PDB file of N, CA and C in Angstrom:
ATOM      1  N   MET A   1      14.780   2.119 -19.598  1.00  0.00           N
ATOM      2  CA  MET A   1      14.437   1.136 -18.437  1.00  0.00           C
ATOM      3  C   MET A   1      13.116   1.061 -18.457  1.00  0.00           C
ATOM      4  N   ASN A   2      12.064  -0.168 -17.999  1.00  0.00           N
ATOM      5  CA  ASN A   2      10.545  -0.924 -17.358  1.00  0.00           C
ATOM      6  C   ASN A   2      10.622   0.101 -16.834  1.00  0.00           C
ATOM      7  N   GLU A   3       9.102   1.057 -16.920  1.00  0.00           N
ATOM      8  CA  GLU A   3       8.967   1.868 -16.156  1.00  0.00           C
ATOM      9  C   GLU A   3       8.074   0.396 -14.441  1.00  0.00           C
ATOM     10  N   VAL A   4       9.089   0.901 -13.733  1.00  0.00           N
ATOM     11  CA  VAL A   4       8.837  -0.230 -12.287  1.00  0.00           C
ATOM     12  C   VAL A   4       7.336   0.266 -12.375  1.00  0.00           C
ATOM     13  N   LEU A   5       6.873  -1.554 -11.215  1.00  0.00           N
ATOM     14  CA  LEU A   5       5.497  -1.220 -10.515  1.00  0.00           C
ATOM     15  C   LEU A   5       5.658  -1.687  -9.276  1.00  0.00           C
ATOM     16  N   PHE A   6       5.211  -0.040  -8.361  1.00  0.00           N
ATOM     17  CA  PHE A   6       5.356  -0.175  -6.992  1.00  0.00           C
ATOM     18  C   PHE A   6       3.715  -0.990  -6.889  1.00  0.00           C
ATOM     19  N   SER A   7       4.345  -2.477  -5.305  1.00  0.00           N
ATOM     20  CA  SER A   7       2.933  -3.422  -4.961  1.00  0.00           C
ATOM     21  C   SER A   7       3.150  -2.886  -3.292  1.00  0.00           C
ATOM     22  N   ILE A   8       1.937  -1.789  -3.103  1.00  0.00           N
ATOM     23  CA  ILE A   8       1.675  -1.460  -1.903  1.00  0.00           C
ATOM     24  C   ILE A   8       0.939  -2.009  -0.916  1.00  0.00           C
ATOM     25  N   ILE A   9       1.552  -2.777   0.418  1.00  0.00           N
ATOM     26  CA  ILE A   9       0.845  -3.124   0.646  1.00  0.00           C
ATOM     27  C   ILE A   9       0.436  -2.890   2.677  1.00  0.00           C
ATOM     28  N   LEU A  10      -0.561  -2.655   2.634  1.00  0.00           N
ATOM     29  CA  LEU A  10      -1.634  -1.595   3.434  1.00  0.00           C
ATOM     30  C   LEU A  10      -2.746  -2.579   4.121  1.00  0.00           C
ATOM     31  N   PRO A  11      -2.029  -3.367   5.214  1.00  0.00           N
ATOM     32  CA  PRO A  11      -2.524  -3.417   6.558  1.00  0.00           C
ATOM     33  C   PRO A  11      -3.613  -2.963   7.077  1.00  0.00           C
ATOM     34  N   THR A  12      -4.861  -3.845   7.445  1.00  0.00           N
ATOM     35  CA  THR A  12      -6.099  -2.203   8.640  1.00  0.00           C
ATOM     36  C   THR A  12      -6.494  -3.417   9.113  1.00  0.00           C
ATOM     37  N   PHE A  13      -6.832  -3.214  10.853  1.00  0.00           N
ATOM     38  CA  PHE A  13      -7.776  -3.312  10.786  1.00  0.00           C
ATOM     39  C   PHE A  13      -8.295  -2.315  11.720  1.00  0.00           C
ATOM     40  N   ASN A  14     -10.223  -2.802  11.040  1.00  0.00           N
ATOM     41  CA  ASN A  14     -10.982  -1.255  12.251  1.00  0.00           C
ATOM     42  C   ASN A  14     -10.805   0.164  12.107  1.00  0.00           C
ATOM     43  N   ARG A  15     -10.267   0.657  11.330  1.00  0.00           N
ATOM     44  CA  ARG A  15      -9.674   2.190  10.423  1.00  0.00           C
ATOM     45  C   ARG A  15     -10.142   2.267   9.933  1.00  0.00           C
ATOM     46  N   SER A  16     -11.618   2.202   9.784  1.00  0.00           N
ATOM     47  CA  SER A  16     -12.426   3.259   9.062  1.00  0.00           C
ATOM     48  C   SER A  16     -12.152   4.403   9.229  1.00  0.00           C
ATOM     49  N   ASN A  17     -12.332   4.628  10.005  1.00  0.00           N
ATOM     50  CA  ASN A  17     -11.625   6.596  10.156  1.00  0.00           C
ATOM     51  C   ASN A  17     -11.042   6.976   9.727  1.00  0.00           C
ATOM     52  N   LEU A  18      -9.756   6.423   9.527  1.00  0.00           N
ATOM     53  CA  LEU A  18      -8.385   6.108   9.062  1.00  0.00           C
ATOM     54  C   LEU A  18      -7.570   5.661   7.887  1.00  0.00           C
ATOM     55  N   ILE A  19      -8.620   5.415   7.417  1.00  0.00           N
ATOM     56  CA  ILE A  19      -7.878   4.706   6.024  1.00  0.00           C
ATOM     57  C   ILE A  19      -7.708   5.178   5.021  1.00  0.00           C
ATOM     58  N   TYR A  20      -9.184   5.687   5.227  1.00  0.00           N
ATOM     59  CA  TYR A  20      -9.615   6.770   3.728  1.00  0.00           C
ATOM     60  C   TYR A  20      -8.507   7.779   2.952  1.00  0.00           C
ATOM     61  N   LYS A  21      -7.629   8.111   3.916  1.00  0.00           N
ATOM     62  CA  LYS A  21      -6.351   8.885   4.090  1.00  0.00           C
ATOM     63  C   LYS A  21      -5.297   8.669   3.413  1.00  0.00           C
ATOM     64  N   ALA A  22      -5.230   7.504   3.828  1.00  0.00           N
ATOM     65  CA  ALA A  22      -4.160   6.330   3.476  1.00  0.00           C
ATOM     66  C   ALA A  22      -4.401   6.245   1.929  1.00  0.00           C
ATOM     67  N   ILE A  23      -5.991   5.441   2.126  1.00  0.00           N
ATOM     68  CA  ILE A  23      -6.141   5.232   0.241  1.00  0.00           C
ATOM     69  C   ILE A  23      -5.840   6.495  -0.355  1.00  0.00           C
ATOM     70  N   GLU A  24      -6.178   7.456  -0.445  1.00  0.00           N
ATOM     71  CA  GLU A  24      -6.133   8.742  -0.840  1.00  0.00           C
ATOM     72  C   GLU A  24      -4.733   8.672  -1.657  1.00  0.00           C
ATOM     73  N   SER A  25      -4.047   8.997  -0.283  1.00  0.00           N
ATOM     74  CA  SER A  25      -2.572   9.892  -0.363  1.00  0.00           C
ATOM     75  C   SER A  25      -1.874   8.465  -1.873  1.00  0.00           C
ATOM     76  N   VAL A  26      -2.511   7.334  -1.742  1.00  0.00           N
ATOM     77  CA  VAL A  26      -1.888   6.194  -2.445  1.00  0.00           C
ATOM     78  C   VAL A  26      -2.475   6.781  -3.864  1.00  0.00           C
ATOM     79  N   ILE A  27      -3.712   7.370  -4.146  1.00  0.00           N
ATOM     80  CA  ILE A  27      -4.248   7.514  -5.418  1.00  0.00           C
ATOM     81  C   ILE A  27      -4.269   8.795  -6.014  1.00  0.00           C
ATOM     82  N   ASN A  28      -2.936   9.624  -5.383  1.00  0.00           N
ATOM     83  CA  ASN A  28      -2.602  10.779  -5.774  1.00  0.00           C
ATOM     84  C   ASN A  28      -1.290  10.829  -6.385  1.00  0.00           C
ATOM     85  N   GLN A  29      -0.418  10.073  -6.312  1.00  0.00           N
ATOM     86  CA  GLN A  29       0.613   9.038  -6.301  1.00  0.00           C
ATOM     87  C   GLN A  29       0.893  10.322  -7.444  1.00  0.00           C
ATOM     88  N   ASP A  30       2.482  11.123  -7.740  1.00  0.00           N
ATOM     89  CA  ASP A  30       2.464  12.039  -8.693  1.00  0.00           C
ATOM     90  C   ASP A  30       3.215  11.131 -10.236  1.00  0.00           C
ATOM     91  N   TYR A  31       3.626   9.334  -8.888  1.00  0.00           N
ATOM     92  CA  TYR A  31       3.606   8.050  -9.888  1.00  0.00           C
ATOM     93  C   TYR A  31       2.983   7.415  -9.646  1.00  0.00           C
ATOM     94  N   LYS A  32       2.056   6.836 -11.561  1.00  0.00           N
ATOM     95  CA  LYS A  32       0.623   6.235 -11.326  1.00  0.00           C
ATOM     96  C   LYS A  32       0.692   4.784 -11.196  1.00  0.00           C
ATOM     97  N   ASN A  33       2.423   3.861 -11.855  1.00  0.00           N
ATOM     98  CA  ASN A  33       2.167   2.747 -11.905  1.00  0.00           C
ATOM     99  C   ASN A  33       2.728   2.082 -10.667  1.00  0.00           C
ATOM    100  N   TRP A  34       2.011   1.316  -9.693  1.00  0.00           N
ATOM    101  CA  TRP A  34       0.881   0.844  -8.576  1.00  0.00           C
ATOM    102  C   TRP A  34      -0.187  -0.020  -8.267  1.00  0.00           C
ATOM    103  N   GLU A  35      -0.001  -1.187  -7.373  1.00  0.00           N
ATOM    104  CA  GLU A  35      -0.902  -0.992  -7.204  1.00  0.00           C
ATOM    105  C   GLU A  35      -1.427  -1.702  -5.011  1.00  0.00           C
ATOM    106  N   LEU A  36      -2.542  -1.294  -4.894  1.00  0.00           N
ATOM    107  CA  LEU A  36      -2.909  -1.277  -3.360  1.00  0.00           C
ATOM    108  C   LEU A  36      -3.126  -2.361  -2.918  1.00  0.00           C
ATOM    109  N   ILE A  37      -2.690  -3.309  -2.055  1.00  0.00           N
ATOM    110  CA  ILE A  37      -3.082  -3.950  -1.726  1.00  0.00           C
ATOM    111  C   ILE A  37      -3.303  -4.423  -0.114  1.00  0.00           C
ATOM    112  N   ILE A  38      -5.064  -4.289  -0.225  1.00  0.00           N
ATOM    113  CA  ILE A  38      -5.133  -3.972   0.889  1.00  0.00           C
ATOM    114  C   ILE A  38      -5.922  -5.536   1.991  1.00  0.00           C
ATOM    115  N   ILE A  39      -5.127  -5.383   3.220  1.00  0.00           N
ATOM    116  CA  ILE A  39      -5.281  -7.114   4.198  1.00  0.00           C
ATOM    117  C   ILE A  39      -5.904  -6.338   5.436  1.00  0.00           C
ATOM    118  N   ASP A  40      -7.225  -7.222   5.165  1.00  0.00           N
ATOM    119  CA  ASP A  40      -7.895  -6.825   6.153  1.00  0.00           C
ATOM    120  C   ASP A  40      -8.597  -8.020   7.256  1.00  0.00           C
ATOM    121  N   ASN A  41      -7.943  -8.147   8.006  1.00  0.00           N
ATOM    122  CA  ASN A  41      -7.854  -8.794   9.742  1.00  0.00           C
ATOM    123  C   ASN A  41      -9.058  -8.670   9.991  1.00  0.00           C
ATOM    124  N   TYR A  42     -10.382  -8.915   8.997  1.00  0.00           N
ATOM    125  CA  TYR A  42     -11.679  -8.595   9.237  1.00  0.00           C
ATOM    126  C   TYR A  42     -12.620  -8.167  10.359  1.00  0.00           C
ATOM    127  N   SER A  43     -12.386  -6.850   9.800  1.00  0.00           N
ATOM    128  CA  SER A  43     -12.858  -5.400  10.737  1.00  0.00           C
ATOM    129  C   SER A  43     -14.209  -5.182  11.092  1.00  0.00           C
ATOM    130  N   LYS A  44     -14.596  -5.014  11.933  1.00  0.00           N
ATOM    131  CA  LYS A  44     -16.142  -5.319  12.544  1.00  0.00           C
ATOM    132  C   LYS A  44     -16.388  -3.654  12.040  1.00  0.00           C
ATOM    133  N   ASP A  45     -15.704  -2.995  11.816  1.00  0.00           N
ATOM    134  CA  ASP A  45     -16.262  -1.919  11.492  1.00  0.00           C
ATOM    135  C   ASP A  45     -16.359  -1.366   9.769  1.00  0.00           C
ATOM    136  N   ASN A  46     -16.971  -0.256   9.591  1.00  0.00           N
ATOM    137  CA  ASN A  46     -16.797  -0.157   7.791  1.00  0.00           C
ATOM    138  C   ASN A  46     -16.036  -0.533   6.738  1.00  0.00           C
ATOM    139  N   THR A  47     -14.598  -0.617   7.086  1.00  0.00           N
ATOM    140  CA  THR A  47     -13.424  -0.656   5.880  1.00  0.00           C
ATOM    141  C   THR A  47     -14.251  -0.936   5.217  1.00  0.00           C
ATOM    142  N   GLU A  48     -14.269  -2.048   4.794  1.00  0.00           N
ATOM    143  CA  GLU A  48     -14.718  -2.989   3.187  1.00  0.00           C
ATOM    144  C   GLU A  48     -15.612  -1.644   2.780  1.00  0.00           C
ATOM    145  N   GLU A  49     -17.114  -1.510   3.226  1.00  0.00           N
ATOM    146  CA  GLU A  49     -17.688  -0.777   2.346  1.00  0.00           C
ATOM    147  C   GLU A  49     -17.096   0.767   2.085  1.00  0.00           C
ATOM    148  N   LEU A  50     -16.401   1.359   3.161  1.00  0.00           N
ATOM    149  CA  LEU A  50     -14.928   1.786   2.229  1.00  0.00           C
ATOM    150  C   LEU A  50     -14.189   2.299   1.116  1.00  0.00           C
ATOM    151  N   VAL A  51     -13.228   1.375   1.400  1.00  0.00           N
ATOM    152  CA  VAL A  51     -12.246   0.885   0.464  1.00  0.00           C
ATOM    153  C   VAL A  51     -13.824   0.832  -0.463  1.00  0.00           C
ATOM    154  N   GLY A  52     -14.605  -0.252  -0.324  1.00  0.00           N
ATOM    155  CA  GLY A  52     -15.295   0.097  -2.008  1.00  0.00           C
ATOM    156  C   GLY A  52     -15.892   0.329  -2.848  1.00  0.00           C
ATOM    157  N   HIS A  53     -15.348   2.474  -1.934  1.00  0.00           N
ATOM    158  CA  HIS A  53     -15.641   2.991  -2.555  1.00  0.00           C
ATOM    159  C   HIS A  53     -14.923   3.865  -3.761  1.00  0.00           C
ATOM    160  N   PHE A  54     -13.986   3.770  -3.924  1.00  0.00           N
ATOM    161  CA  PHE A  54     -12.736   4.287  -4.855  1.00  0.00           C
ATOM    162  C   PHE A  54     -12.913   3.284  -5.540  1.00  0.00           C
ATOM    163  N   SER A  55     -13.658   3.339  -6.813  1.00  0.00           N
ATOM    164  CA  SER A  55     -13.152   2.881  -8.149  1.00  0.00           C
ATOM    165  C   SER A  55     -11.868   2.808  -9.242  1.00  0.00           C
ATOM    166  N   ASP A  56     -11.042   2.077  -8.357  1.00  0.00           N
ATOM    167  CA  ASP A  56      -9.971   2.023  -9.755  1.00  0.00           C
ATOM    168  C   ASP A  56      -8.857   1.092  -8.871  1.00  0.00           C
ATOM    169  N   LYS A  57      -9.459  -0.402 -10.131  1.00  0.00           N
ATOM    170  CA  LYS A  57      -9.055  -1.176 -10.434  1.00  0.00           C
ATOM    171  C   LYS A  57      -7.525  -1.641  -9.658  1.00  0.00           C
ATOM    172  N   ARG A  58      -6.319  -0.767  -9.450  1.00  0.00           N
ATOM    173  CA  ARG A  58      -5.150  -0.924  -9.412  1.00  0.00           C
ATOM    174  C   ARG A  58      -5.172  -1.431  -7.554  1.00  0.00           C
ATOM    175  N   ILE A  59      -6.481  -1.475  -6.241  1.00  0.00           N
ATOM    176  CA  ILE A  59      -6.195  -1.610  -5.441  1.00  0.00           C
ATOM    177  C   ILE A  59      -7.402  -2.542  -5.307  1.00  0.00           C
ATOM    178  N   ILE A  60      -6.690  -3.860  -4.536  1.00  0.00           N
ATOM    179  CA  ILE A  60      -7.380  -5.090  -4.058  1.00  0.00           C
ATOM    180  C   ILE A  60      -7.684  -4.945  -2.534  1.00  0.00           C
ATOM    181  N   PHE A  61      -8.746  -6.120  -2.580  1.00  0.00           N
ATOM    182  CA  PHE A  61      -9.129  -6.500  -1.321  1.00  0.00           C
ATOM    183  C   PHE A  61      -8.552  -7.448  -0.503  1.00  0.00           C
ATOM    184  N   ASN A  62      -8.440  -7.667   0.115  1.00  0.00           N
ATOM    185  CA  ASN A  62      -8.579  -9.106   1.035  1.00  0.00           C
ATOM    186  C   ASN A  62      -8.579  -9.140   2.169  1.00  0.00           C
ATOM    187  N   LYS A  63      -8.696  -9.465   2.658  1.00  0.00           N
ATOM    188  CA  LYS A  63      -9.492 -10.467   4.729  1.00  0.00           C
ATOM    189  C   LYS A  63      -8.548 -12.011   4.611  1.00  0.00           C
ATOM    190  N   PHE A  64      -8.073 -11.209   5.223  1.00  0.00           N
ATOM    191  CA  PHE A  64      -7.086 -12.604   6.197  1.00  0.00           C
ATOM    192  C   PHE A  64      -6.646 -12.670   7.980  1.00  0.00           C
ATOM    193  N   ASN A  65      -6.978 -12.610   8.093  1.00  0.00           N
ATOM    194  CA  ASN A  65      -6.790 -14.059   9.465  1.00  0.00           C
ATOM    195  C   ASN A  65      -5.617 -13.688   9.946  1.00  0.00           C
ATOM    196  N   ASN A  66      -5.395 -12.527  10.526  1.00  0.00           N
ATOM    197  CA  ASN A  66      -4.063 -12.377  11.739  1.00  0.00           C
ATOM    198  C   ASN A  66      -3.055 -12.942  12.593  1.00  0.00           C
ATOM    199  N   ASP A  67      -4.169 -13.691  13.582  1.00  0.00           N
ATOM    200  CA  ASP A  67      -4.428 -13.760  14.644  1.00  0.00           C
ATOM    201  C   ASP A  67      -3.282 -13.134  15.571  1.00  0.00           C
ATOM    202  N   GLY A  68      -3.755 -11.214  15.331  1.00  0.00           N
ATOM    203  CA  GLY A  68      -3.314 -10.190  16.286  1.00  0.00           C
ATOM    204  C   GLY A  68      -2.167  -9.943  15.736  1.00  0.00           C
ATOM    205  N   ILE A  69      -1.029 -10.200  14.540  1.00  0.00           N
ATOM    206  CA  ILE A  69      -0.305 -10.016  14.253  1.00  0.00           C
ATOM    207  C   ILE A  69      -0.148  -9.860  13.172  1.00  0.00           C
ATOM    208  N   ILE A  70       0.389  -8.954  13.248  1.00  0.00           N
ATOM    209  CA  ILE A  70       0.481  -7.781  12.294  1.00  0.00           C
ATOM    210  C   ILE A  70       1.465  -8.019  10.733  1.00  0.00           C
ATOM    211  N   ALA A  71       2.675  -8.200  10.955  1.00  0.00           N
ATOM    212  CA  ALA A  71       3.695  -8.813   9.762  1.00  0.00           C
ATOM    213  C   ALA A  71       2.714 -10.048   9.535  1.00  0.00           C
ATOM    214  N   ARG A  72       2.267 -11.007   8.986  1.00  0.00           N
ATOM    215  CA  ARG A  72       1.300 -11.939   8.961  1.00  0.00           C
ATOM    216  C   ARG A  72       0.777 -11.623   8.154  1.00  0.00           C
ATOM    217  N   SER A  73       0.628 -10.258   8.103  1.00  0.00           N
ATOM    218  CA  SER A  73      -0.847  -9.967   7.008  1.00  0.00           C
ATOM    219  C   SER A  73       0.013  -9.028   5.666  1.00  0.00           C
ATOM    220  N   ARG A  74       1.113  -8.440   6.666  1.00  0.00           N
ATOM    221  CA  ARG A  74       1.540  -7.945   4.964  1.00  0.00           C
ATOM    222  C   ARG A  74       3.037  -9.273   4.954  1.00  0.00           C
ATOM    223  N   ASN A  75       2.965  -9.977   5.251  1.00  0.00           N
ATOM    224  CA  ASN A  75       3.166 -11.468   4.441  1.00  0.00           C
ATOM    225  C   ASN A  75       2.610 -11.951   3.352  1.00  0.00           C
ATOM    226  N   TYR A  76       1.495 -11.662   3.894  1.00  0.00           N
ATOM    227  CA  TYR A  76       0.161 -12.068   3.667  1.00  0.00           C
ATOM    228  C   TYR A  76       0.033 -11.883   1.942  1.00  0.00           C
ATOM    229  N   GLY A  77       0.355 -10.061   1.549  1.00  0.00           N
ATOM    230  CA  GLY A  77       0.284  -9.145   1.333  1.00  0.00           C
ATOM    231  C   GLY A  77       1.799  -9.104  -0.229  1.00  0.00           C
ATOM    232  N   VAL A  78       2.547  -9.656   0.484  1.00  0.00           N
ATOM    233  CA  VAL A  78       3.649  -9.628  -0.371  1.00  0.00           C
ATOM    234  C   VAL A  78       3.530 -10.753  -0.637  1.00  0.00           C
ATOM    235  N   LYS A  79       3.000 -12.206  -0.863  1.00  0.00           N
ATOM    236  CA  LYS A  79       2.123 -13.262  -1.422  1.00  0.00           C
ATOM    237  C   LYS A  79       2.215 -12.353  -3.136  1.00  0.00           C
ATOM    238  N   LEU A  80       1.204 -11.888  -2.332  1.00  0.00           N
ATOM    239  CA  LEU A  80       0.249 -11.249  -3.769  1.00  0.00           C
ATOM    240  C   LEU A  80       0.512 -10.802  -4.709  1.00  0.00           C
ATOM    241  N   ALA A  81       1.492  -9.707  -3.790  1.00  0.00           N
ATOM    242  CA  ALA A  81       2.078  -8.830  -5.005  1.00  0.00           C
ATOM    243  C   ALA A  81       2.373  -8.977  -5.745  1.00  0.00           C
ATOM    244  N   LYS A  82       2.604  -8.851  -6.981  1.00  0.00           N
ATOM    245  CA  LYS A  82       2.667  -8.293  -8.493  1.00  0.00           C
ATOM    246  C   LYS A  82       3.609  -7.240  -9.238  1.00  0.00           C
ATOM    247  N   GLY A  83       4.589  -6.611  -8.273  1.00  0.00           N
ATOM    248  CA  GLY A  83       5.278  -5.785  -8.908  1.00  0.00           C
ATOM    249  C   GLY A  83       7.011  -6.137  -8.151  1.00  0.00           C
ATOM    250  N   ASP A  84       7.677  -4.859  -9.095  1.00  0.00           N
ATOM    251  CA  ASP A  84       8.787  -4.849  -9.175  1.00  0.00           C
ATOM    252  C   ASP A  84       9.870  -4.976  -7.931  1.00  0.00           C
ATOM    253  N   TYR A  85       8.799  -3.631  -7.154  1.00  0.00           N
ATOM    254  CA  TYR A  85       9.374  -3.708  -5.764  1.00  0.00           C
ATOM    255  C   TYR A  85       8.193  -3.590  -4.502  1.00  0.00           C
ATOM    256  N   ILE A  86       8.600  -3.054  -3.994  1.00  0.00           N
ATOM    257  CA  ILE A  86       7.832  -4.279  -2.258  1.00  0.00           C
ATOM    258  C   ILE A  86       7.587  -2.905  -1.082  1.00  0.00           C
ATOM    259  N   ALA A  87       5.993  -1.662  -1.794  1.00  0.00           N
ATOM    260  CA  ALA A  87       6.322  -0.559  -0.545  1.00  0.00           C
ATOM    261  C   ALA A  87       4.932  -1.171   0.409  1.00  0.00           C
ATOM    262  N   PHE A  88       5.676  -0.145   1.842  1.00  0.00           N
ATOM    263  CA  PHE A  88       4.473  -0.778   3.204  1.00  0.00           C
ATOM    264  C   PHE A  88       3.992   0.235   3.650  1.00  0.00           C
ATOM    265  N   LEU A  89       2.242   0.640   3.740  1.00  0.00           N
ATOM    266  CA  LEU A  89       1.879   1.772   4.927  1.00  0.00           C
ATOM    267  C   LEU A  89       1.287   0.777   5.423  1.00  0.00           C
ATOM    268  N   ASP A  90       1.022   1.634   6.419  1.00  0.00           N
ATOM    269  CA  ASP A  90      -0.053   1.760   7.189  1.00  0.00           C
ATOM    270  C   ASP A  90      -1.362   2.417   7.481  1.00  0.00           C
ATOM    271  N   SER A  91      -2.947   1.662   8.031  1.00  0.00           N
ATOM    272  CA  SER A  91      -4.158   1.793   7.749  1.00  0.00           C
ATOM    273  C   SER A  91      -3.761   4.140   8.090  1.00  0.00           C
ATOM    274  N   ASP A  92      -2.925   3.860   8.920  1.00  0.00           N
ATOM    275  CA  ASP A  92      -3.138   5.357   9.463  1.00  0.00           C
ATOM    276  C   ASP A  92      -2.341   6.376   9.357  1.00  0.00           C
ATOM    277  N   ASP A  93      -1.216   6.141   8.118  1.00  0.00           N
ATOM    278  CA  ASP A  93      -0.108   7.100   7.705  1.00  0.00           C
ATOM    279  C   ASP A  93      -1.302   7.361   6.631  1.00  0.00           C
ATOM    280  N   TRP A  94      -0.163   7.831   5.683  1.00  0.00           N
ATOM    281  CA  TRP A  94      -0.120   9.058   4.619  1.00  0.00           C
ATOM    282  C   TRP A  94       1.632   8.859   3.879  1.00  0.00           C
ATOM    283  N   TRP A  95       1.064   9.275   2.661  1.00  0.00           N
ATOM    284  CA  TRP A  95       2.330   9.622   2.071  1.00  0.00           C
ATOM    285  C   TRP A  95       1.865  10.964   0.888  1.00  0.00           C
ATOM    286  N   TYR A  96       3.625  12.225   0.466  1.00  0.00           N
ATOM    287  CA  TYR A  96       2.964  12.918  -0.107  1.00  0.00           C
ATOM    288  C   TYR A  96       2.729  12.552  -1.564  1.00  0.00           C
ATOM    289  N   PRO A  97       2.544  13.332  -2.814  1.00  0.00           N
ATOM    290  CA  PRO A  97       1.737  12.680  -3.576  1.00  0.00           C
ATOM    291  C   PRO A  97       3.614  12.791  -4.543  1.00  0.00           C
ATOM    292  N   GLN A  98       4.966  13.166  -3.723  1.00  0.00           N
ATOM    293  CA  GLN A  98       5.546  13.008  -4.800  1.00  0.00           C
ATOM    294  C   GLN A  98       6.686  12.189  -4.199  1.00  0.00           C
ATOM    295  N   LYS A  99       6.432  10.696  -3.057  1.00  0.00           N
ATOM    296  CA  LYS A  99       6.884   9.850  -2.841  1.00  0.00           C
ATOM    297  C   LYS A  99       6.911   8.833  -3.449  1.00  0.00           C
ATOM    298  N   LEU A 100       6.352   8.057  -4.560  1.00  0.00           N
ATOM    299  CA  LEU A 100       6.876   7.023  -5.682  1.00  0.00           C
ATOM    300  C   LEU A 100       8.048   7.630  -6.762  1.00  0.00           C
ATOM    301  N   LYS A 101       7.054   8.208  -6.868  1.00  0.00           N
ATOM    302  CA  LYS A 101       8.237   9.284  -7.630  1.00  0.00           C
ATOM    303  C   LYS A 101       9.565   9.742  -7.272  1.00  0.00           C
ATOM    304  N   ILE A 102      10.124   9.495  -5.878  1.00  0.00           N
ATOM    305  CA  ILE A 102      11.468  10.289  -5.445  1.00  0.00           C
ATOM    306  C   ILE A 102      12.387   8.716  -5.510  1.00  0.00           C
ATOM    307  N   VAL A 103      11.226   7.915  -5.096  1.00  0.00           N
ATOM    308  CA  VAL A 103      11.990   6.797  -5.200  1.00  0.00           C
ATOM    309  C   VAL A 103      12.070   5.793  -5.964  1.00  0.00           C
ATOM    310  N   ASN A 104      11.227   5.977  -7.022  1.00  0.00           N
ATOM    311  CA  ASN A 104      11.729   5.852  -8.423  1.00  0.00           C
ATOM    312  C   ASN A 104      13.086   5.644  -9.103  1.00  0.00           C
ATOM    313  N   LYS A 105      12.932   7.322  -8.861  1.00  0.00           N
ATOM    314  CA  LYS A 105      14.522   8.092  -8.987  1.00  0.00           C
ATOM    315  C   LYS A 105      16.078   7.834  -9.444  1.00  0.00           C
ATOM    316  N   LYS A 106      15.278   7.530  -7.906  1.00  0.00           N
ATOM    317  CA  LYS A 106      16.844   6.484  -6.739  1.00  0.00           C
ATOM    318  C   LYS A 106      16.954   5.513  -7.305  1.00  0.00           C
ATOM    319  N   ILE A 107      15.818   4.218  -7.694  1.00  0.00           N
ATOM    320  CA  ILE A 107      16.133   3.040  -8.297  1.00  0.00           C
ATOM    321  C   ILE A 107      16.716   3.176  -9.309  1.00  0.00           C
ATOM    322  N   GLU A 108      15.982   4.411 -10.350  1.00  0.00           N
ATOM    323  CA  GLU A 108      16.671   4.104 -11.202  1.00  0.00           C
ATOM    324  C   GLU A 108      18.293   4.841 -11.995  1.00  0.00           C
ATOM    325  N   GLU A 109      18.442   4.984 -10.763  1.00  0.00           N
ATOM    326  CA  GLU A 109      19.976   5.664 -10.422  1.00  0.00           C
ATOM    327  C   GLU A 109      21.033   4.973  -9.601  1.00  0.00           C
ATOM    328  N   GLY A 110      20.130   3.739  -9.373  1.00  0.00           N
ATOM    329  CA  GLY A 110      21.780   3.005  -8.954  1.00  0.00           C
ATOM    330  C   GLY A 110      20.518   1.227  -9.500  1.00  0.00           C
ATOM    331  N   SER A 111      21.166   0.723  -8.351  1.00  0.00           N
ATOM    332  CA  SER A 111      20.650  -1.220  -8.837  1.00  0.00           C
ATOM    333  C   SER A 111      20.994  -1.830  -7.230  1.00  0.00           C
ATOM    334  N   TYR A 112      19.315  -0.468  -7.030  1.00  0.00           N
ATOM    335  CA  TYR A 112      18.884  -1.220  -5.393  1.00  0.00           C
ATOM    336  C   TYR A 112      18.421  -1.839  -5.128  1.00  0.00           C
ATOM    337  N   LYS A 113      17.698  -2.941  -4.362  1.00  0.00           N
ATOM    338  CA  LYS A 113      17.736  -3.849  -4.429  1.00  0.00           C
ATOM    339  C   LYS A 113      16.058  -3.868  -2.524  1.00  0.00           C
ATOM    340  N   PHE A 114      17.197  -2.522  -1.967  1.00  0.00           N
ATOM    341  CA  PHE A 114      16.172  -2.608  -1.011  1.00  0.00           C
ATOM    342  C   PHE A 114      16.086  -0.816  -1.028  1.00  0.00           C
ATOM    343  N   LEU A 115      15.270  -0.120  -0.634  1.00  0.00           N
ATOM    344  CA  LEU A 115      15.380   1.518  -0.286  1.00  0.00           C
ATOM    345  C   LEU A 115      14.691   1.870   1.146  1.00  0.00           C
ATOM    346  N   TYR A 116      14.686   2.406   1.858  1.00  0.00           N
ATOM    347  CA  TYR A 116      14.172   2.949   3.164  1.00  0.00           C
ATOM    348  C   TYR A 116      14.112   4.374   3.447  1.00  0.00           C
ATOM    349  N   HIS A 117      13.542   5.536   3.237  1.00  0.00           N
ATOM    350  CA  HIS A 117      14.020   6.678   4.357  1.00  0.00           C
ATOM    351  C   HIS A 117      13.235   7.551   5.524  1.00  0.00           C
ATOM    352  N   ASP A 118      13.456   8.118   6.258  1.00  0.00           N
ATOM    353  CA  ASP A 118      13.260   8.828   7.124  1.00  0.00           C
ATOM    354  C   ASP A 118      11.058   9.159   7.036  1.00  0.00           C
ATOM    355  N   MET A 119      10.552   9.306   7.855  1.00  0.00           N
ATOM    356  CA  MET A 119       9.440  10.001   8.337  1.00  0.00           C
ATOM    357  C   MET A 119       9.790  11.413   8.544  1.00  0.00           C
ATOM    358  N   HIS A 120       8.623  12.236   7.715  1.00  0.00           N
ATOM    359  CA  HIS A 120       8.504  13.566   8.232  1.00  0.00           C
ATOM    360  C   HIS A 120       7.460  13.520   9.336  1.00  0.00           C
TER     361      HIS A 120
END
């Protein structure tokens, strides 16, 4: 089986105080075949500058006016995604390093179109 590419959609607005941990949790994944699509609703803080400190080609930064509707940012991210599977991560959350590896294992075990799991 070919290695699955995960497109991770991360919408944000004025979360420079929290987004670093979210991004770092993606970079630190045991499973490395991913792209992180950050959709910034024109933050007024230093979100863009902070994201720019990460020198990883898998991180894609876009600005998008969602008119206060976060689902629009998620949908825009999905349109940009190149992955086989979509994952959503909010800018105030983070993942354990094995998250994508575990999800990928489940994908390999079956023919899933949709997977979800509880939060910790």
